[in-house]
N, C-alpha and C. Protein backbone atom coordinates (compact mmCIF):
# COMPACT_ATOMS: atom_id res chain seq x y z
N MET A 1 -4.02 17.64 -1.66
CA MET A 1 -4.78 16.85 -0.71
C MET A 1 -5.96 17.67 -0.17
N PHE A 2 -6.97 16.98 0.27
CA PHE A 2 -8.11 17.63 0.86
C PHE A 2 -7.90 17.78 2.36
N ASP A 3 -8.48 18.83 2.95
CA ASP A 3 -8.30 19.08 4.38
C ASP A 3 -8.67 17.88 5.23
N TRP A 4 -9.82 17.23 4.94
CA TRP A 4 -10.24 16.08 5.75
C TRP A 4 -9.28 14.92 5.61
N ASP A 5 -8.70 14.77 4.44
CA ASP A 5 -7.74 13.69 4.23
C ASP A 5 -6.51 13.90 5.10
N LEU A 6 -5.98 15.11 5.10
CA LEU A 6 -4.79 15.41 5.88
C LEU A 6 -5.06 15.36 7.38
N ARG A 7 -6.24 15.82 7.78
CA ARG A 7 -6.59 15.82 9.20
C ARG A 7 -6.71 14.39 9.72
N ASP A 8 -7.34 13.51 8.94
CA ASP A 8 -7.57 12.14 9.39
C ASP A 8 -6.38 11.22 9.17
N THR A 9 -5.52 11.54 8.23
CA THR A 9 -4.37 10.68 7.94
C THR A 9 -3.12 11.54 7.88
N SER A 10 -2.61 11.87 9.05
CA SER A 10 -1.47 12.79 9.12
C SER A 10 -0.15 12.14 8.72
N SER A 11 -0.10 10.83 8.61
CA SER A 11 1.16 10.14 8.31
C SER A 11 1.13 9.46 6.95
N VAL A 12 0.76 10.18 5.92
CA VAL A 12 0.64 9.60 4.58
C VAL A 12 2.02 9.52 3.92
N ARG A 13 2.29 8.37 3.31
CA ARG A 13 3.48 8.19 2.48
C ARG A 13 2.99 7.82 1.09
N ILE A 14 3.73 8.21 0.09
CA ILE A 14 3.34 7.94 -1.29
C ILE A 14 4.48 7.18 -1.96
N ARG A 15 4.13 6.09 -2.66
CA ARG A 15 5.15 5.37 -3.43
C ARG A 15 4.63 5.13 -4.85
N PRO A 16 5.53 5.18 -5.82
CA PRO A 16 5.14 5.00 -7.22
C PRO A 16 4.53 3.62 -7.45
N LEU A 17 3.65 3.54 -8.44
CA LEU A 17 2.99 2.29 -8.80
C LEU A 17 2.79 2.27 -10.30
N GLY A 18 2.86 1.09 -10.87
CA GLY A 18 2.50 0.90 -12.28
C GLY A 18 3.19 1.85 -13.23
N VAL A 19 2.39 2.69 -13.87
CA VAL A 19 2.92 3.57 -14.90
C VAL A 19 3.73 4.73 -14.34
N GLY A 20 3.64 4.98 -13.04
CA GLY A 20 4.37 6.10 -12.44
C GLY A 20 3.80 7.42 -12.93
N LEU A 21 4.52 8.10 -13.80
CA LEU A 21 4.09 9.39 -14.33
C LEU A 21 4.13 9.35 -15.85
N LEU A 22 3.00 9.70 -16.47
CA LEU A 22 2.93 9.80 -17.92
C LEU A 22 2.52 11.22 -18.28
N VAL A 23 3.18 11.77 -19.29
CA VAL A 23 2.87 13.14 -19.72
C VAL A 23 2.65 13.14 -21.23
N LYS A 24 1.56 13.79 -21.63
CA LYS A 24 1.29 13.98 -23.06
C LYS A 24 0.66 15.35 -23.22
N GLY A 25 1.34 16.21 -23.93
CA GLY A 25 0.85 17.57 -24.11
C GLY A 25 0.72 18.28 -22.77
N ASN A 26 -0.47 18.80 -22.50
CA ASN A 26 -0.72 19.53 -21.26
C ASN A 26 -1.39 18.67 -20.19
N VAL A 27 -1.29 17.35 -20.33
CA VAL A 27 -1.92 16.44 -19.38
C VAL A 27 -0.87 15.48 -18.81
N ALA A 28 -0.92 15.28 -17.49
CA ALA A 28 -0.05 14.32 -16.82
C ALA A 28 -0.92 13.38 -15.98
N VAL A 29 -0.54 12.11 -15.99
CA VAL A 29 -1.25 11.10 -15.20
C VAL A 29 -0.22 10.46 -14.28
N ARG A 30 -0.58 10.36 -12.99
CA ARG A 30 0.32 9.79 -12.00
C ARG A 30 -0.38 8.64 -11.28
N GLU A 31 0.30 7.50 -11.19
CA GLU A 31 -0.25 6.34 -10.49
C GLU A 31 0.65 6.05 -9.28
N VAL A 32 0.05 6.03 -8.10
CA VAL A 32 0.80 5.82 -6.86
C VAL A 32 0.00 4.95 -5.89
N VAL A 33 0.66 4.57 -4.82
CA VAL A 33 -0.01 3.92 -3.69
C VAL A 33 0.17 4.84 -2.49
N PHE A 34 -0.95 5.15 -1.83
CA PHE A 34 -0.90 5.92 -0.59
C PHE A 34 -0.81 4.93 0.56
N GLU A 35 0.12 5.15 1.47
CA GLU A 35 0.22 4.36 2.69
C GLU A 35 -0.09 5.31 3.83
N ALA A 36 -1.04 4.93 4.69
CA ALA A 36 -1.47 5.84 5.74
C ALA A 36 -1.83 5.07 7.01
N THR A 37 -2.05 5.83 8.07
CA THR A 37 -2.50 5.27 9.34
C THR A 37 -3.68 6.10 9.82
N TRP A 38 -4.73 5.41 10.26
CA TRP A 38 -5.91 6.08 10.80
C TRP A 38 -6.24 5.42 12.13
N LYS A 39 -6.20 6.20 13.20
CA LYS A 39 -6.47 5.68 14.56
C LYS A 39 -5.65 4.44 14.85
N GLY A 40 -4.39 4.48 14.44
CA GLY A 40 -3.47 3.37 14.70
C GLY A 40 -3.58 2.22 13.72
N ILE A 41 -4.46 2.29 12.75
CA ILE A 41 -4.65 1.22 11.77
C ILE A 41 -3.95 1.60 10.48
N ARG A 42 -3.00 0.76 10.06
CA ARG A 42 -2.26 1.03 8.83
C ARG A 42 -3.02 0.45 7.65
N TYR A 43 -3.03 1.19 6.54
CA TYR A 43 -3.69 0.71 5.33
C TYR A 43 -3.03 1.38 4.13
N GLU A 44 -3.29 0.84 2.97
CA GLU A 44 -2.78 1.45 1.73
C GLU A 44 -3.83 1.30 0.65
N TYR A 45 -3.73 2.17 -0.36
CA TYR A 45 -4.68 2.11 -1.47
C TYR A 45 -4.07 2.75 -2.71
N PRO A 46 -4.42 2.22 -3.89
CA PRO A 46 -3.94 2.79 -5.14
C PRO A 46 -4.69 4.07 -5.48
N ASN A 47 -4.01 4.96 -6.18
CA ASN A 47 -4.59 6.24 -6.57
C ASN A 47 -4.10 6.60 -7.97
N LEU A 48 -5.01 7.13 -8.76
CA LEU A 48 -4.66 7.64 -10.08
C LEU A 48 -5.06 9.11 -10.12
N ALA A 49 -4.12 9.97 -10.45
CA ALA A 49 -4.39 11.41 -10.50
C ALA A 49 -4.13 11.93 -11.90
N VAL A 50 -5.00 12.83 -12.35
CA VAL A 50 -4.88 13.45 -13.67
C VAL A 50 -4.72 14.95 -13.47
N PHE A 51 -3.65 15.50 -14.03
CA PHE A 51 -3.37 16.94 -13.95
C PHE A 51 -3.49 17.53 -15.34
N GLU A 52 -4.20 18.63 -15.46
CA GLU A 52 -4.26 19.37 -16.72
C GLU A 52 -3.63 20.72 -16.49
N PHE A 53 -2.71 21.11 -17.38
CA PHE A 53 -1.97 22.36 -17.24
C PHE A 53 -2.39 23.36 -18.30
N ASP A 54 -2.32 24.65 -17.94
CA ASP A 54 -2.57 25.68 -18.95
C ASP A 54 -1.26 25.96 -19.68
N ASP A 55 -1.27 26.91 -20.59
CA ASP A 55 -0.08 27.19 -21.39
C ASP A 55 1.07 27.77 -20.58
N ASP A 56 0.79 28.30 -19.39
CA ASP A 56 1.84 28.83 -18.51
C ASP A 56 2.41 27.77 -17.58
N GLY A 57 1.92 26.52 -17.68
CA GLY A 57 2.40 25.44 -16.84
C GLY A 57 1.74 25.35 -15.48
N LYS A 58 0.69 26.16 -15.27
CA LYS A 58 -0.04 26.10 -14.01
C LYS A 58 -1.15 25.06 -14.10
N ILE A 59 -1.43 24.41 -12.98
CA ILE A 59 -2.47 23.39 -12.96
C ILE A 59 -3.83 24.05 -13.18
N ARG A 60 -4.51 23.62 -14.23
CA ARG A 60 -5.85 24.13 -14.56
C ARG A 60 -6.94 23.24 -13.97
N ALA A 61 -6.67 21.92 -13.94
CA ALA A 61 -7.64 20.97 -13.39
C ALA A 61 -6.89 19.80 -12.77
N TYR A 62 -7.50 19.22 -11.74
CA TYR A 62 -6.92 18.07 -11.05
C TYR A 62 -8.04 17.10 -10.69
N ARG A 63 -7.84 15.84 -11.03
CA ARG A 63 -8.81 14.80 -10.66
C ARG A 63 -8.05 13.65 -10.02
N SER A 64 -8.64 13.11 -8.96
CA SER A 64 -8.01 12.01 -8.23
C SER A 64 -9.01 10.86 -8.15
N TYR A 65 -8.56 9.66 -8.52
CA TYR A 65 -9.45 8.49 -8.54
C TYR A 65 -8.94 7.44 -7.57
N TYR A 66 -9.81 7.05 -6.65
CA TYR A 66 -9.50 5.98 -5.71
C TYR A 66 -10.80 5.41 -5.18
N ASP A 67 -10.72 4.24 -4.57
CA ASP A 67 -11.89 3.52 -4.10
C ASP A 67 -12.11 3.81 -2.62
N LYS A 68 -12.91 4.82 -2.31
CA LYS A 68 -13.16 5.21 -0.92
C LYS A 68 -13.78 4.08 -0.12
N LEU A 69 -14.71 3.36 -0.69
CA LEU A 69 -15.33 2.25 0.03
C LEU A 69 -14.32 1.13 0.27
N GLY A 70 -13.41 0.92 -0.68
CA GLY A 70 -12.35 -0.07 -0.50
C GLY A 70 -11.42 0.31 0.65
N ILE A 71 -11.15 1.61 0.80
CA ILE A 71 -10.34 2.09 1.92
C ILE A 71 -11.07 1.81 3.23
N ASP A 72 -12.36 2.13 3.26
CA ASP A 72 -13.15 1.87 4.47
C ASP A 72 -13.15 0.39 4.81
N GLN A 73 -13.21 -0.46 3.79
CA GLN A 73 -13.23 -1.90 4.03
C GLN A 73 -11.88 -2.37 4.60
N ARG A 74 -10.78 -1.84 4.09
CA ARG A 74 -9.46 -2.21 4.62
C ARG A 74 -9.34 -1.83 6.09
N ILE A 75 -9.84 -0.64 6.43
CA ILE A 75 -9.78 -0.18 7.82
C ILE A 75 -10.73 -1.01 8.68
N ALA A 76 -11.95 -1.24 8.21
CA ALA A 76 -12.95 -1.99 8.99
C ALA A 76 -12.45 -3.39 9.31
N ASN A 77 -11.73 -4.01 8.39
CA ASN A 77 -11.24 -5.37 8.62
C ASN A 77 -10.24 -5.44 9.78
N GLN A 78 -9.67 -4.32 10.17
CA GLN A 78 -8.70 -4.29 11.26
C GLN A 78 -9.24 -3.60 12.52
N TYR A 79 -10.40 -2.97 12.42
CA TYR A 79 -10.93 -2.18 13.53
C TYR A 79 -11.38 -3.11 14.66
N PRO A 80 -10.99 -2.84 15.89
CA PRO A 80 -11.27 -3.77 17.00
C PRO A 80 -12.66 -3.59 17.61
N GLY A 81 -13.04 -4.60 18.37
CA GLY A 81 -14.22 -4.53 19.24
C GLY A 81 -15.56 -4.55 18.53
N VAL A 82 -16.59 -4.21 19.30
CA VAL A 82 -17.96 -4.19 18.81
C VAL A 82 -18.11 -3.16 17.69
N GLN A 83 -17.48 -2.00 17.86
CA GLN A 83 -17.54 -0.98 16.80
C GLN A 83 -16.96 -1.52 15.50
N GLY A 84 -15.87 -2.28 15.61
CA GLY A 84 -15.25 -2.87 14.42
C GLY A 84 -16.18 -3.85 13.74
N ARG A 85 -16.87 -4.67 14.55
CA ARG A 85 -17.81 -5.64 13.97
C ARG A 85 -18.94 -4.93 13.24
N LEU A 86 -19.49 -3.88 13.84
CA LEU A 86 -20.56 -3.11 13.20
C LEU A 86 -20.05 -2.41 11.93
N PHE A 87 -18.85 -1.86 12.02
CA PHE A 87 -18.22 -1.20 10.89
C PHE A 87 -18.07 -2.20 9.74
N ARG A 88 -17.56 -3.42 10.04
CA ARG A 88 -17.39 -4.44 9.00
C ARG A 88 -18.73 -4.85 8.38
N LEU A 89 -19.74 -5.05 9.22
CA LEU A 89 -21.06 -5.42 8.69
C LEU A 89 -21.58 -4.36 7.73
N MET A 90 -21.48 -3.10 8.12
CA MET A 90 -21.98 -2.00 7.30
C MET A 90 -21.21 -1.89 5.98
N VAL A 91 -19.88 -1.87 6.09
CA VAL A 91 -19.05 -1.69 4.88
C VAL A 91 -19.19 -2.89 3.95
N ASN A 92 -19.16 -4.10 4.51
CA ASN A 92 -19.27 -5.29 3.67
C ASN A 92 -20.64 -5.37 2.99
N TYR A 93 -21.69 -4.91 3.67
CA TYR A 93 -23.02 -4.85 3.04
C TYR A 93 -22.99 -3.89 1.85
N LEU A 94 -22.41 -2.71 2.04
CA LEU A 94 -22.34 -1.73 0.95
C LEU A 94 -21.53 -2.26 -0.23
N VAL A 95 -20.42 -2.92 0.07
CA VAL A 95 -19.60 -3.50 -0.99
C VAL A 95 -20.39 -4.56 -1.75
N ALA A 96 -21.08 -5.44 -1.02
CA ALA A 96 -21.86 -6.49 -1.66
C ALA A 96 -22.95 -5.89 -2.54
N GLN A 97 -23.61 -4.83 -2.10
CA GLN A 97 -24.65 -4.19 -2.90
C GLN A 97 -24.05 -3.60 -4.18
N GLY A 98 -22.87 -3.02 -4.05
CA GLY A 98 -22.20 -2.44 -5.21
C GLY A 98 -21.73 -3.47 -6.21
N GLU A 99 -21.44 -4.68 -5.73
CA GLU A 99 -20.94 -5.73 -6.61
C GLU A 99 -22.06 -6.52 -7.28
N LYS A 100 -23.29 -6.33 -6.85
CA LYS A 100 -24.40 -7.05 -7.47
C LYS A 100 -24.42 -6.77 -8.97
N GLY A 101 -24.50 -7.82 -9.73
CA GLY A 101 -24.54 -7.67 -11.17
C GLY A 101 -23.17 -7.58 -11.82
N LEU A 102 -22.11 -7.37 -11.01
CA LEU A 102 -20.77 -7.30 -11.57
C LEU A 102 -20.12 -8.66 -11.69
N LEU A 103 -20.51 -9.59 -10.80
CA LEU A 103 -19.93 -10.92 -10.80
C LEU A 103 -20.78 -11.87 -11.65
N LYS A 104 -20.12 -12.79 -12.29
CA LYS A 104 -20.82 -13.81 -13.06
C LYS A 104 -21.36 -14.86 -12.07
N PRO A 105 -22.43 -15.55 -12.41
CA PRO A 105 -22.95 -16.59 -11.51
C PRO A 105 -21.86 -17.60 -11.15
N GLY A 106 -21.71 -17.86 -9.86
CA GLY A 106 -20.72 -18.81 -9.37
C GLY A 106 -19.34 -18.21 -9.15
N GLU A 107 -19.11 -16.98 -9.59
CA GLU A 107 -17.81 -16.34 -9.41
C GLU A 107 -17.68 -15.84 -7.98
N ALA A 108 -16.55 -16.09 -7.36
CA ALA A 108 -16.34 -15.70 -5.96
C ALA A 108 -15.86 -14.26 -5.85
N ARG A 109 -16.28 -13.63 -4.72
CA ARG A 109 -15.76 -12.29 -4.41
C ARG A 109 -14.31 -12.38 -4.03
N ARG A 110 -13.58 -11.28 -4.20
CA ARG A 110 -12.18 -11.24 -3.79
C ARG A 110 -12.07 -11.20 -2.30
């Protein structure tokens, strides 16, 4: 975990998802859901992690894939007050800009 992640989300729980753990040669892939709380707001998000090991079994490389903007959107949707409204406007604008060109004409956003 990264320091900022642990500092901001001290109550993280991890549960298996989808493929769980796959291993082939010196590479392992783990799919999980992180459940966390930030400033009293509970949220969860899927995560895919790739571990590469050297011949001694030590981790040589680690990559973690998750949708940071999606996490922000989940939190913003629950954030109270004027700050929450501004947070939602900002995050939803960024999401909409990112989705431009991804949706077919007439297709609805999730």
